[in-house]
PDB file of N, CA and C in Angstrom:
ATOM      1  N   UNK A   1       0.292  22.372  28.715  1.00  0.00           N
ATOM      2  CA  UNK A   1      -0.100  21.240  27.893  1.00  0.00           C
ATOM      3  C   UNK A   1      -1.630  21.240  27.570  1.00  0.00           C
ATOM      4  N   UNK A   2      -2.408  21.763  28.613  1.00  0.00           N
ATOM      5  CA  UNK A   2      -3.847  21.823  28.338  1.00  0.00           C
ATOM      6  C   UNK A   2      -4.153  22.741  27.100  1.00  0.00           C
ATOM      7  N   UNK A   3      -3.482  23.882  26.981  1.00  0.00           N
ATOM      8  CA  UNK A   3      -3.710  24.792  25.900  1.00  0.00           C
ATOM      9  C   UNK A   3      -3.607  24.233  24.642  1.00  0.00           C
ATOM     10  N   UNK A   4      -2.652  23.192  24.525  1.00  0.00           N
ATOM     11  CA  UNK A   4      -2.435  22.637  23.210  1.00  0.00           C
ATOM     12  C   UNK A   4      -3.505  21.543  22.811  1.00  0.00           C
ATOM     13  N   UNK A   5      -4.169  20.999  23.801  1.00  0.00           N
ATOM     14  CA  UNK A   5      -5.130  19.982  23.505  1.00  0.00           C
ATOM     15  C   UNK A   5      -6.412  20.590  23.151  1.00  0.00           C
ATOM     16  N   UNK A   6      -6.762  21.860  23.461  1.00  0.00           N
ATOM     17  CA  UNK A   6      -7.969  22.493  23.265  1.00  0.00           C
ATOM     18  C   UNK A   6      -7.913  23.063  21.707  1.00  0.00           C
ATOM     19  N   UNK A   7      -8.908  22.748  21.005  1.00  0.00           N
ATOM     20  CA  UNK A   7      -8.912  23.302  19.609  1.00  0.00           C
ATOM     21  C   UNK A   7      -9.971  24.305  19.477  1.00  0.00           C
ATOM     22  N   UNK A   8      -9.619  25.380  18.889  1.00  0.00           N
ATOM     23  CA  UNK A   8     -10.662  26.528  18.723  1.00  0.00           C
ATOM     24  C   UNK A   8     -11.751  26.142  17.982  1.00  0.00           C
ATOM     25  N   UNK A   9     -13.069  26.348  18.413  1.00  0.00           N
ATOM     26  CA  UNK A   9     -14.185  25.816  17.669  1.00  0.00           C
ATOM     27  C   UNK A   9     -14.469  26.353  16.326  1.00  0.00           C
ATOM     28  N   UNK A  10     -13.852  27.645  16.153  1.00  0.00           N
ATOM     29  CA  UNK A  10     -13.952  28.298  14.804  1.00  0.00           C
ATOM     30  C   UNK A  10     -13.015  27.601  13.894  1.00  0.00           C
ATOM     31  N   UNK A  11     -11.733  27.190  14.304  1.00  0.00           N
ATOM     32  CA  UNK A  11     -10.804  26.430  13.498  1.00  0.00           C
ATOM     33  C   UNK A  11     -11.444  25.082  13.129  1.00  0.00           C
ATOM     34  N   UNK A  12     -12.054  24.413  14.113  1.00  0.00           N
ATOM     35  CA  UNK A  12     -12.655  23.107  13.794  1.00  0.00           C
ATOM     36  C   UNK A  12     -13.663  23.165  12.889  1.00  0.00           C
ATOM     37  N   UNK A  13     -14.629  24.128  12.915  1.00  0.00           N
ATOM     38  CA  UNK A  13     -15.632  24.330  12.006  1.00  0.00           C
ATOM     39  C   UNK A  13     -15.169  24.597  10.570  1.00  0.00           C
ATOM     40  N   UNK A  14     -14.123  25.424  10.451  1.00  0.00           N
ATOM     41  CA  UNK A  14     -13.475  25.723   9.100  1.00  0.00           C
ATOM     42  C   UNK A  14     -12.816  24.536   8.570  1.00  0.00           C
ATOM     43  N   UNK A  15     -12.167  23.684   9.423  1.00  0.00           N
ATOM     44  CA  UNK A  15     -11.533  22.581   9.065  1.00  0.00           C
ATOM     45  C   UNK A  15     -12.507  21.554   8.400  1.00  0.00           C
ATOM     46  N   UNK A  16     -13.691  21.318   9.102  1.00  0.00           N
ATOM     47  CA  UNK A  16     -14.658  20.472   8.628  1.00  0.00           C
ATOM     48  C   UNK A  16     -15.355  20.829   7.368  1.00  0.00           C
ATOM     49  N   UNK A  17     -15.481  22.204   7.189  1.00  0.00           N
ATOM     50  CA  UNK A  17     -16.047  22.811   5.931  1.00  0.00           C
ATOM     51  C   UNK A  17     -15.144  22.622   4.863  1.00  0.00           C
ATOM     52  N   UNK A  18     -13.882  22.865   5.127  1.00  0.00           N
ATOM     53  CA  UNK A  18     -12.824  22.762   3.956  1.00  0.00           C
ATOM     54  C   UNK A  18     -12.728  21.260   3.594  1.00  0.00           C
ATOM     55  N   UNK A  19     -12.826  20.371   4.413  1.00  0.00           N
ATOM     56  CA  UNK A  19     -12.654  18.973   4.079  1.00  0.00           C
ATOM     57  C   UNK A  19     -13.974  18.578   3.336  1.00  0.00           C
ATOM     58  N   UNK A  20     -15.163  18.890   3.846  1.00  0.00           N
ATOM     59  CA  UNK A  20     -16.301  18.555   3.229  1.00  0.00           C
ATOM     60  C   UNK A  20     -16.498  19.143   1.691  1.00  0.00           C
ATOM     61  N   UNK A  21     -16.191  20.362   1.687  1.00  0.00           N
ATOM     62  CA  UNK A  21     -16.191  21.001   0.266  1.00  0.00           C
ATOM     63  C   UNK A  21     -15.133  20.455  -0.558  1.00  0.00           C
ATOM     64  N   UNK A  22     -14.026  20.171  -0.122  1.00  0.00           N
ATOM     65  CA  UNK A  22     -13.008  19.412  -0.849  1.00  0.00           C
ATOM     66  C   UNK A  22     -13.495  18.175  -1.493  1.00  0.00           C
ATOM     67  N   UNK A  23     -14.299  17.359  -0.669  1.00  0.00           N
ATOM     68  CA  UNK A  23     -14.860  16.134  -1.170  1.00  0.00           C
ATOM     69  C   UNK A  23     -15.922  16.310  -2.293  1.00  0.00           C
ATOM     70  N   UNK A  24     -16.771  17.329  -2.057  1.00  0.00           N
ATOM     71  CA  UNK A  24     -18.042  17.376  -2.916  1.00  0.00           C
ATOM     72  C   UNK A  24     -17.823  18.477  -3.983  1.00  0.00           C
ATOM     73  N   UNK A  25     -17.220  19.584  -3.634  1.00  0.00           N
ATOM     74  CA  UNK A  25     -17.013  20.685  -4.639  1.00  0.00           C
ATOM     75  C   UNK A  25     -15.518  21.161  -4.621  1.00  0.00           C
ATOM     76  N   UNK A  26     -14.699  20.268  -5.239  1.00  0.00           N
ATOM     77  CA  UNK A  26     -13.221  20.533  -5.194  1.00  0.00           C
ATOM     78  C   UNK A  26     -12.816  21.816  -5.853  1.00  0.00           C
ATOM     79  N   UNK A  27     -13.458  22.342  -6.900  1.00  0.00           N
ATOM     80  CA  UNK A  27     -13.143  23.533  -7.534  1.00  0.00           C
ATOM     81  C   UNK A  27     -13.510  24.686  -6.675  1.00  0.00           C
ATOM     82  N   UNK A  28     -14.633  24.681  -6.093  1.00  0.00           N
ATOM     83  CA  UNK A  28     -15.006  25.750  -5.174  1.00  0.00           C
ATOM     84  C   UNK A  28     -14.073  25.810  -3.962  1.00  0.00           C
ATOM     85  N   UNK A  29     -13.787  24.605  -3.323  1.00  0.00           N
ATOM     86  CA  UNK A  29     -12.855  24.641  -2.208  1.00  0.00           C
ATOM     87  C   UNK A  29     -11.498  25.195  -2.577  1.00  0.00           C
ATOM     88  N   UNK A  30     -11.026  24.958  -3.802  1.00  0.00           N
ATOM     89  CA  UNK A  30      -9.795  25.379  -4.262  1.00  0.00           C
ATOM     90  C   UNK A  30      -9.670  26.880  -4.268  1.00  0.00           C
ATOM     91  N   UNK A  31     -10.722  27.491  -4.916  1.00  0.00           N
ATOM     92  CA  UNK A  31     -10.907  28.911  -5.096  1.00  0.00           C
ATOM     93  C   UNK A  31     -11.002  29.627  -3.633  1.00  0.00           C
ATOM     94  N   UNK A  32     -11.796  28.953  -2.727  1.00  0.00           N
ATOM     95  CA  UNK A  32     -12.014  29.528  -1.440  1.00  0.00           C
ATOM     96  C   UNK A  32     -10.773  29.513  -0.650  1.00  0.00           C
ATOM     97  N   UNK A  33      -9.898  28.508  -0.897  1.00  0.00           N
ATOM     98  CA  UNK A  33      -8.791  28.348   0.085  1.00  0.00           C
ATOM     99  C   UNK A  33      -7.654  29.272  -0.431  1.00  0.00           C
ATOM    100  N   UNK A  34      -7.731  29.861  -1.570  1.00  0.00           N
ATOM    101  CA  UNK A  34      -6.752  30.816  -2.129  1.00  0.00           C
ATOM    102  C   UNK A  34      -7.059  32.210  -1.648  1.00  0.00           C
ATOM    103  N   UNK A  35      -8.244  32.495  -1.071  1.00  0.00           N
ATOM    104  CA  UNK A  35      -8.698  33.816  -0.565  1.00  0.00           C
ATOM    105  C   UNK A  35      -7.681  34.067   0.827  1.00  0.00           C
ATOM    106  N   UNK A  36      -7.140  35.200   0.869  1.00  0.00           N
ATOM    107  CA  UNK A  36      -6.292  35.457   2.008  1.00  0.00           C
ATOM    108  C   UNK A  36      -7.271  35.620   3.247  1.00  0.00           C
ATOM    109  N   UNK A  37      -7.157  34.847   4.125  1.00  0.00           N
ATOM    110  CA  UNK A  37      -7.964  34.949   5.326  1.00  0.00           C
ATOM    111  C   UNK A  37      -7.264  34.545   6.545  1.00  0.00           C
ATOM    112  N   UNK A  38      -6.967  35.400   7.419  1.00  0.00           N
ATOM    113  CA  UNK A  38      -6.142  35.157   8.518  1.00  0.00           C
ATOM    114  C   UNK A  38      -6.989  34.740   9.920  1.00  0.00           C
ATOM    115  N   UNK A  39      -8.282  34.650   9.644  1.00  0.00           N
ATOM    116  CA  UNK A  39      -9.041  34.079  10.826  1.00  0.00           C
ATOM    117  C   UNK A  39      -8.835  32.663  11.131  1.00  0.00           C
ATOM    118  N   UNK A  40      -9.206  32.187  12.327  1.00  0.00           N
ATOM    119  CA  UNK A  40      -9.056  30.759  12.570  1.00  0.00           C
ATOM    120  C   UNK A  40      -9.835  29.944  11.772  1.00  0.00           C
ATOM    121  N   UNK A  41     -11.054  30.303  11.404  1.00  0.00           N
ATOM    122  CA  UNK A  41     -11.857  29.490  10.494  1.00  0.00           C
ATOM    123  C   UNK A  41     -11.304  29.445   9.243  1.00  0.00           C
ATOM    124  N   UNK A  42     -10.701  30.468   8.635  1.00  0.00           N
ATOM    125  CA  UNK A  42     -10.068  30.432   7.395  1.00  0.00           C
ATOM    126  C   UNK A  42      -8.791  29.515   7.455  1.00  0.00           C
ATOM    127  N   UNK A  43      -7.941  29.600   8.547  1.00  0.00           N
ATOM    128  CA  UNK A  43      -6.932  28.647   8.532  1.00  0.00           C
ATOM    129  C   UNK A  43      -7.469  27.219   8.518  1.00  0.00           C
ATOM    130  N   UNK A  44      -8.451  26.967   9.405  1.00  0.00           N
ATOM    131  CA  UNK A  44      -8.991  25.550   9.443  1.00  0.00           C
ATOM    132  C   UNK A  44      -9.469  25.076   8.098  1.00  0.00           C
ATOM    133  N   UNK A  45     -10.155  26.023   7.384  1.00  0.00           N
ATOM    134  CA  UNK A  45     -10.593  25.737   6.078  1.00  0.00           C
ATOM    135  C   UNK A  45      -9.577  25.193   5.126  1.00  0.00           C
ATOM    136  N   UNK A  46      -8.402  26.054   5.122  1.00  0.00           N
ATOM    137  CA  UNK A  46      -7.303  25.554   4.230  1.00  0.00           C
ATOM    138  C   UNK A  46      -6.723  24.306   4.782  1.00  0.00           C
ATOM    139  N   UNK A  47      -6.530  24.144   6.012  1.00  0.00           N
ATOM    140  CA  UNK A  47      -6.095  22.850   6.533  1.00  0.00           C
ATOM    141  C   UNK A  47      -6.920  21.680   6.261  1.00  0.00           C
ATOM    142  N   UNK A  48      -8.318  21.876   6.312  1.00  0.00           N
ATOM    143  CA  UNK A  48      -9.158  20.836   6.053  1.00  0.00           C
ATOM    144  C   UNK A  48      -9.061  20.267   4.592  1.00  0.00           C
ATOM    145  N   UNK A  49      -9.074  21.286   3.666  1.00  0.00           N
ATOM    146  CA  UNK A  49      -8.942  21.031   2.309  1.00  0.00           C
ATOM    147  C   UNK A  49      -7.642  20.394   2.039  1.00  0.00           C
ATOM    148  N   UNK A  50      -6.565  20.733   2.668  1.00  0.00           N
ATOM    149  CA  UNK A  50      -5.208  20.176   2.441  1.00  0.00           C
ATOM    150  C   UNK A  50      -5.136  18.737   2.924  1.00  0.00           C
ATOM    151  N   UNK A  51      -5.775  18.443   3.988  1.00  0.00           N
ATOM    152  CA  UNK A  51      -5.847  17.082   4.430  1.00  0.00           C
ATOM    153  C   UNK A  51      -6.643  16.256   3.577  1.00  0.00           C
ATOM    154  N   UNK A  52      -7.759  16.629   3.004  1.00  0.00           N
ATOM    155  CA  UNK A  52      -8.428  15.790   2.127  1.00  0.00           C
ATOM    156  C   UNK A  52      -7.699  15.635   0.945  1.00  0.00           C
ATOM    157  N   UNK A  53      -6.904  16.533   0.353  1.00  0.00           N
ATOM    158  CA  UNK A  53      -6.123  16.271  -0.840  1.00  0.00           C
ATOM    159  C   UNK A  53      -4.993  15.398  -0.550  1.00  0.00           C
ATOM    160  N   UNK A  54      -4.376  15.506   0.675  1.00  0.00           N
ATOM    161  CA  UNK A  54      -3.350  14.526   0.923  1.00  0.00           C
ATOM    162  C   UNK A  54      -3.818  13.117   1.107  1.00  0.00           C
ATOM    163  N   UNK A  55      -5.001  12.847   1.678  1.00  0.00           N
ATOM    164  CA  UNK A  55      -5.664  11.649   1.651  1.00  0.00           C
ATOM    165  C   UNK A  55      -5.776  11.088   0.391  1.00  0.00           C
ATOM    166  N   UNK A  56      -6.287  11.884  -0.673  1.00  0.00           N
ATOM    167  CA  UNK A  56      -6.588  11.485  -1.960  1.00  0.00           C
ATOM    168  C   UNK A  56      -5.254  11.084  -2.681  1.00  0.00           C
ATOM    169  N   UNK A  57      -4.179  11.743  -2.341  1.00  0.00           N
ATOM    170  CA  UNK A  57      -2.893  11.372  -2.955  1.00  0.00           C
ATOM    171  C   UNK A  57      -2.385  10.067  -2.412  1.00  0.00           C
ATOM    172  N   UNK A  58      -2.575   9.807  -1.102  1.00  0.00           N
ATOM    173  CA  UNK A  58      -2.268   8.432  -0.544  1.00  0.00           C
ATOM    174  C   UNK A  58      -3.065   7.247  -1.111  1.00  0.00           C
ATOM    175  N   UNK A  59      -4.269   7.643  -1.496  1.00  0.00           N
ATOM    176  CA  UNK A  59      -5.108   6.658  -2.082  1.00  0.00           C
ATOM    177  C   UNK A  59      -4.667   6.169  -3.477  1.00  0.00           C
ATOM    178  N   UNK A  60      -3.995   7.169  -4.138  1.00  0.00           N
ATOM    179  CA  UNK A  60      -3.577   7.005  -5.624  1.00  0.00           C
ATOM    180  C   UNK A  60      -2.140   6.233  -5.542  1.00  0.00           C
ATOM    181  N   UNK A  61      -1.541   5.980  -4.392  1.00  0.00           N
ATOM    182  CA  UNK A  61      -0.329   5.444  -4.390  1.00  0.00           C
ATOM    183  C   UNK A  61      -0.379   3.944  -4.811  1.00  0.00           C
ATOM    184  N   UNK A  62       0.598   3.368  -5.297  1.00  0.00           N
ATOM    185  CA  UNK A  62       0.566   1.884  -5.520  1.00  0.00           C
ATOM    186  C   UNK A  62       0.563   1.158  -4.277  1.00  0.00           C
ATOM    187  N   UNK A  63      -0.021   0.003  -4.339  1.00  0.00           N
ATOM    188  CA  UNK A  63      -0.258  -0.835  -3.212  1.00  0.00           C
ATOM    189  C   UNK A  63       1.009  -1.135  -2.458  1.00  0.00           C
ATOM    190  N   UNK A  64       2.124  -1.270  -3.083  1.00  0.00           N
ATOM    191  CA  UNK A  64       3.395  -1.552  -2.353  1.00  0.00           C
ATOM    192  C   UNK A  64       3.816  -0.291  -1.484  1.00  0.00           C
ATOM    193  N   UNK A  65       3.337   0.921  -1.866  1.00  0.00           N
ATOM    194  CA  UNK A  65       3.641   2.019  -1.016  1.00  0.00           C
ATOM    195  C   UNK A  65       2.609   2.265   0.093  1.00  0.00           C
ATOM    196  N   UNK A  66       1.413   1.627   0.033  1.00  0.00           N
ATOM    197  CA  UNK A  66       0.392   1.712   1.052  1.00  0.00           C
ATOM    198  C   UNK A  66       0.653   0.844   2.184  1.00  0.00           C
ATOM    199  N   UNK A  67       1.388  -0.194   2.067  1.00  0.00           N
ATOM    200  CA  UNK A  67       1.530  -1.236   3.086  1.00  0.00           C
ATOM    201  C   UNK A  67       2.304  -0.542   4.318  1.00  0.00           C
ATOM    202  N   UNK A  68       1.751  -1.004   5.421  1.00  0.00           N
ATOM    203  CA  UNK A  68       2.376  -0.531   6.843  1.00  0.00           C
ATOM    204  C   UNK A  68       3.852  -0.945   6.766  1.00  0.00           C
ATOM    205  N   UNK A  69       4.730  -0.178   7.472  1.00  0.00           N
ATOM    206  CA  UNK A  69       6.151  -0.541   7.474  1.00  0.00           C
ATOM    207  C   UNK A  69       6.431  -1.970   8.020  1.00  0.00           C
ATOM    208  N   UNK A  70       5.613  -2.482   9.028  1.00  0.00           N
ATOM    209  CA  UNK A  70       5.769  -3.801   9.503  1.00  0.00           C
ATOM    210  C   UNK A  70       5.328  -4.778   8.529  1.00  0.00           C
ATOM    211  N   UNK A  71       4.513  -4.490   7.547  1.00  0.00           N
ATOM    212  CA  UNK A  71       4.146  -5.475   6.580  1.00  0.00           C
ATOM    213  C   UNK A  71       5.172  -5.532   5.361  1.00  0.00           C
ATOM    214  N   UNK A  72       5.787  -4.360   5.147  1.00  0.00           N
ATOM    215  CA  UNK A  72       6.682  -4.252   4.035  1.00  0.00           C
ATOM    216  C   UNK A  72       7.955  -5.123   4.173  1.00  0.00           C
ATOM    217  N   UNK A  73       8.484  -5.048   5.414  1.00  0.00           N
ATOM    218  CA  UNK A  73       9.740  -5.693   5.751  1.00  0.00           C
ATOM    219  C   UNK A  73       9.386  -7.200   6.270  1.00  0.00           C
ATOM    220  N   UNK A  74       9.515  -8.188   5.492  1.00  0.00           N
ATOM    221  CA  UNK A  74       9.317  -9.510   5.844  1.00  0.00           C
ATOM    222  C   UNK A  74      10.601 -10.138   6.043  1.00  0.00           C
ATOM    223  N   UNK A  75      10.811 -10.824   7.151  1.00  0.00           N
ATOM    224  CA  UNK A  75      12.137 -11.442   7.411  1.00  0.00           C
ATOM    225  C   UNK A  75      12.336 -12.473   6.357  1.00  0.00           C
ATOM    226  N   UNK A  76      13.588 -12.455   5.895  1.00  0.00           N
ATOM    227  CA  UNK A  76      13.892 -13.534   4.766  1.00  0.00           C
ATOM    228  C   UNK A  76      14.370 -14.834   5.660  1.00  0.00           C
ATOM    229  N   UNK A  77      14.069 -15.936   5.040  1.00  0.00           N
ATOM    230  CA  UNK A  77      14.307 -17.246   5.717  1.00  0.00           C
ATOM    231  C   UNK A  77      15.817 -17.254   5.977  1.00  0.00           C
ATOM    232  N   UNK A  78      16.220 -18.000   7.049  1.00  0.00           N
ATOM    233  CA  UNK A  78      17.650 -18.136   7.194  1.00  0.00           C
ATOM    234  C   UNK A  78      18.240 -19.193   6.273  1.00  0.00           C
ATOM    235  N   UNK A  79      19.161 -18.660   5.562  1.00  0.00           N
ATOM    236  CA  UNK A  79      19.914 -19.645   4.549  1.00  0.00           C
ATOM    237  C   UNK A  79      21.021 -20.460   5.181  1.00  0.00           C
ATOM    238  N   UNK A  80      21.080 -21.711   5.052  1.00  0.00           N
ATOM    239  CA  UNK A  80      22.275 -22.487   5.623  1.00  0.00           C
ATOM    240  C   UNK A  80      23.338 -22.359   4.666  1.00  0.00           C
ATOM    241  N   UNK A  81      24.569 -22.299   5.186  1.00  0.00           N
ATOM    242  CA  UNK A  81      25.676 -22.249   4.379  1.00  0.00           C
ATOM    243  C   UNK A  81      26.008 -23.508   3.704  1.00  0.00           C
ATOM    244  N   UNK A  82      25.498 -24.535   4.509  1.00  0.00           N
ATOM    245  CA  UNK A  82      25.770 -25.872   3.901  1.00  0.00           C
ATOM    246  C   UNK A  82      24.560 -26.501   2.946  1.00  0.00           C
ATOM    247  N   UNK A  83      23.619 -25.568   2.717  1.00  0.00           N
ATOM    248  CA  UNK A  83      22.613 -26.023   1.914  1.00  0.00           C
ATOM    249  C   UNK A  83      23.037 -26.623   0.583  1.00  0.00           C
ATOM    250  N   UNK A  84      22.561 -27.855   0.138  1.00  0.00           N
ATOM    251  CA  UNK A  84      22.922 -28.314  -1.057  1.00  0.00           C
ATOM    252  C   UNK A  84      24.163 -29.102  -1.187  1.00  0.00           C
ATOM    253  N   UNK A  85      25.015 -29.134  -0.029  1.00  0.00           N
ATOM    254  CA  UNK A  85      26.199 -29.746   0.035  1.00  0.00           C
ATOM    255  C   UNK A  85      25.942 -31.082   0.838  1.00  0.00           C
ATOM    256  N   UNK A  86      26.739 -32.094   0.460  1.00  0.00           N
ATOM    257  CA  UNK A  86      26.658 -33.256   1.022  1.00  0.00           C
ATOM    258  C   UNK A  86      27.677 -33.303   2.087  1.00  0.00           C
ATOM    259  N   UNK A  87      27.165 -33.357   3.339  1.00  0.00           N
ATOM    260  CA  UNK A  87      28.181 -33.298   4.491  1.00  0.00           C
ATOM    261  C   UNK A  87      28.871 -34.670   4.809  1.00  0.00           C
ATOM    262  N   UNK A  88      28.432 -35.642   4.309  1.00  0.00           N
ATOM    263  CA  UNK A  88      28.900 -37.018   4.614  1.00  0.00           C
ATOM    264  C   UNK A  88      30.277 -37.212   3.866  1.00  0.00           C
ATOM    265  N   UNK A  89      30.649 -36.480   2.810  1.00  0.00           N
ATOM    266  CA  UNK A  89      31.813 -36.705   2.103  1.00  0.00           C
ATOM    267  C   UNK A  89      33.045 -36.036   2.634  1.00  0.00           C
TER     268      UNK A  89
END
């Protein structure tokens, strides 16, 4: 379990670089992410860029898709079967 919790420092550095470049220089980040690089830093770079682009796509969603699941589903009021009927008759 401990080996899964530890992140390679090179991967983390690449992830942060990819995320930051995608924010400020998206064209350059796109070109660099297409370079075939099997190193941990290269994989991190690609993942960081991908994470930023996913976040941007989430930002572009309409507000009704952004809501948390608990906020989307609001319980409907209980409707009485006798509503509007006069029970005295």
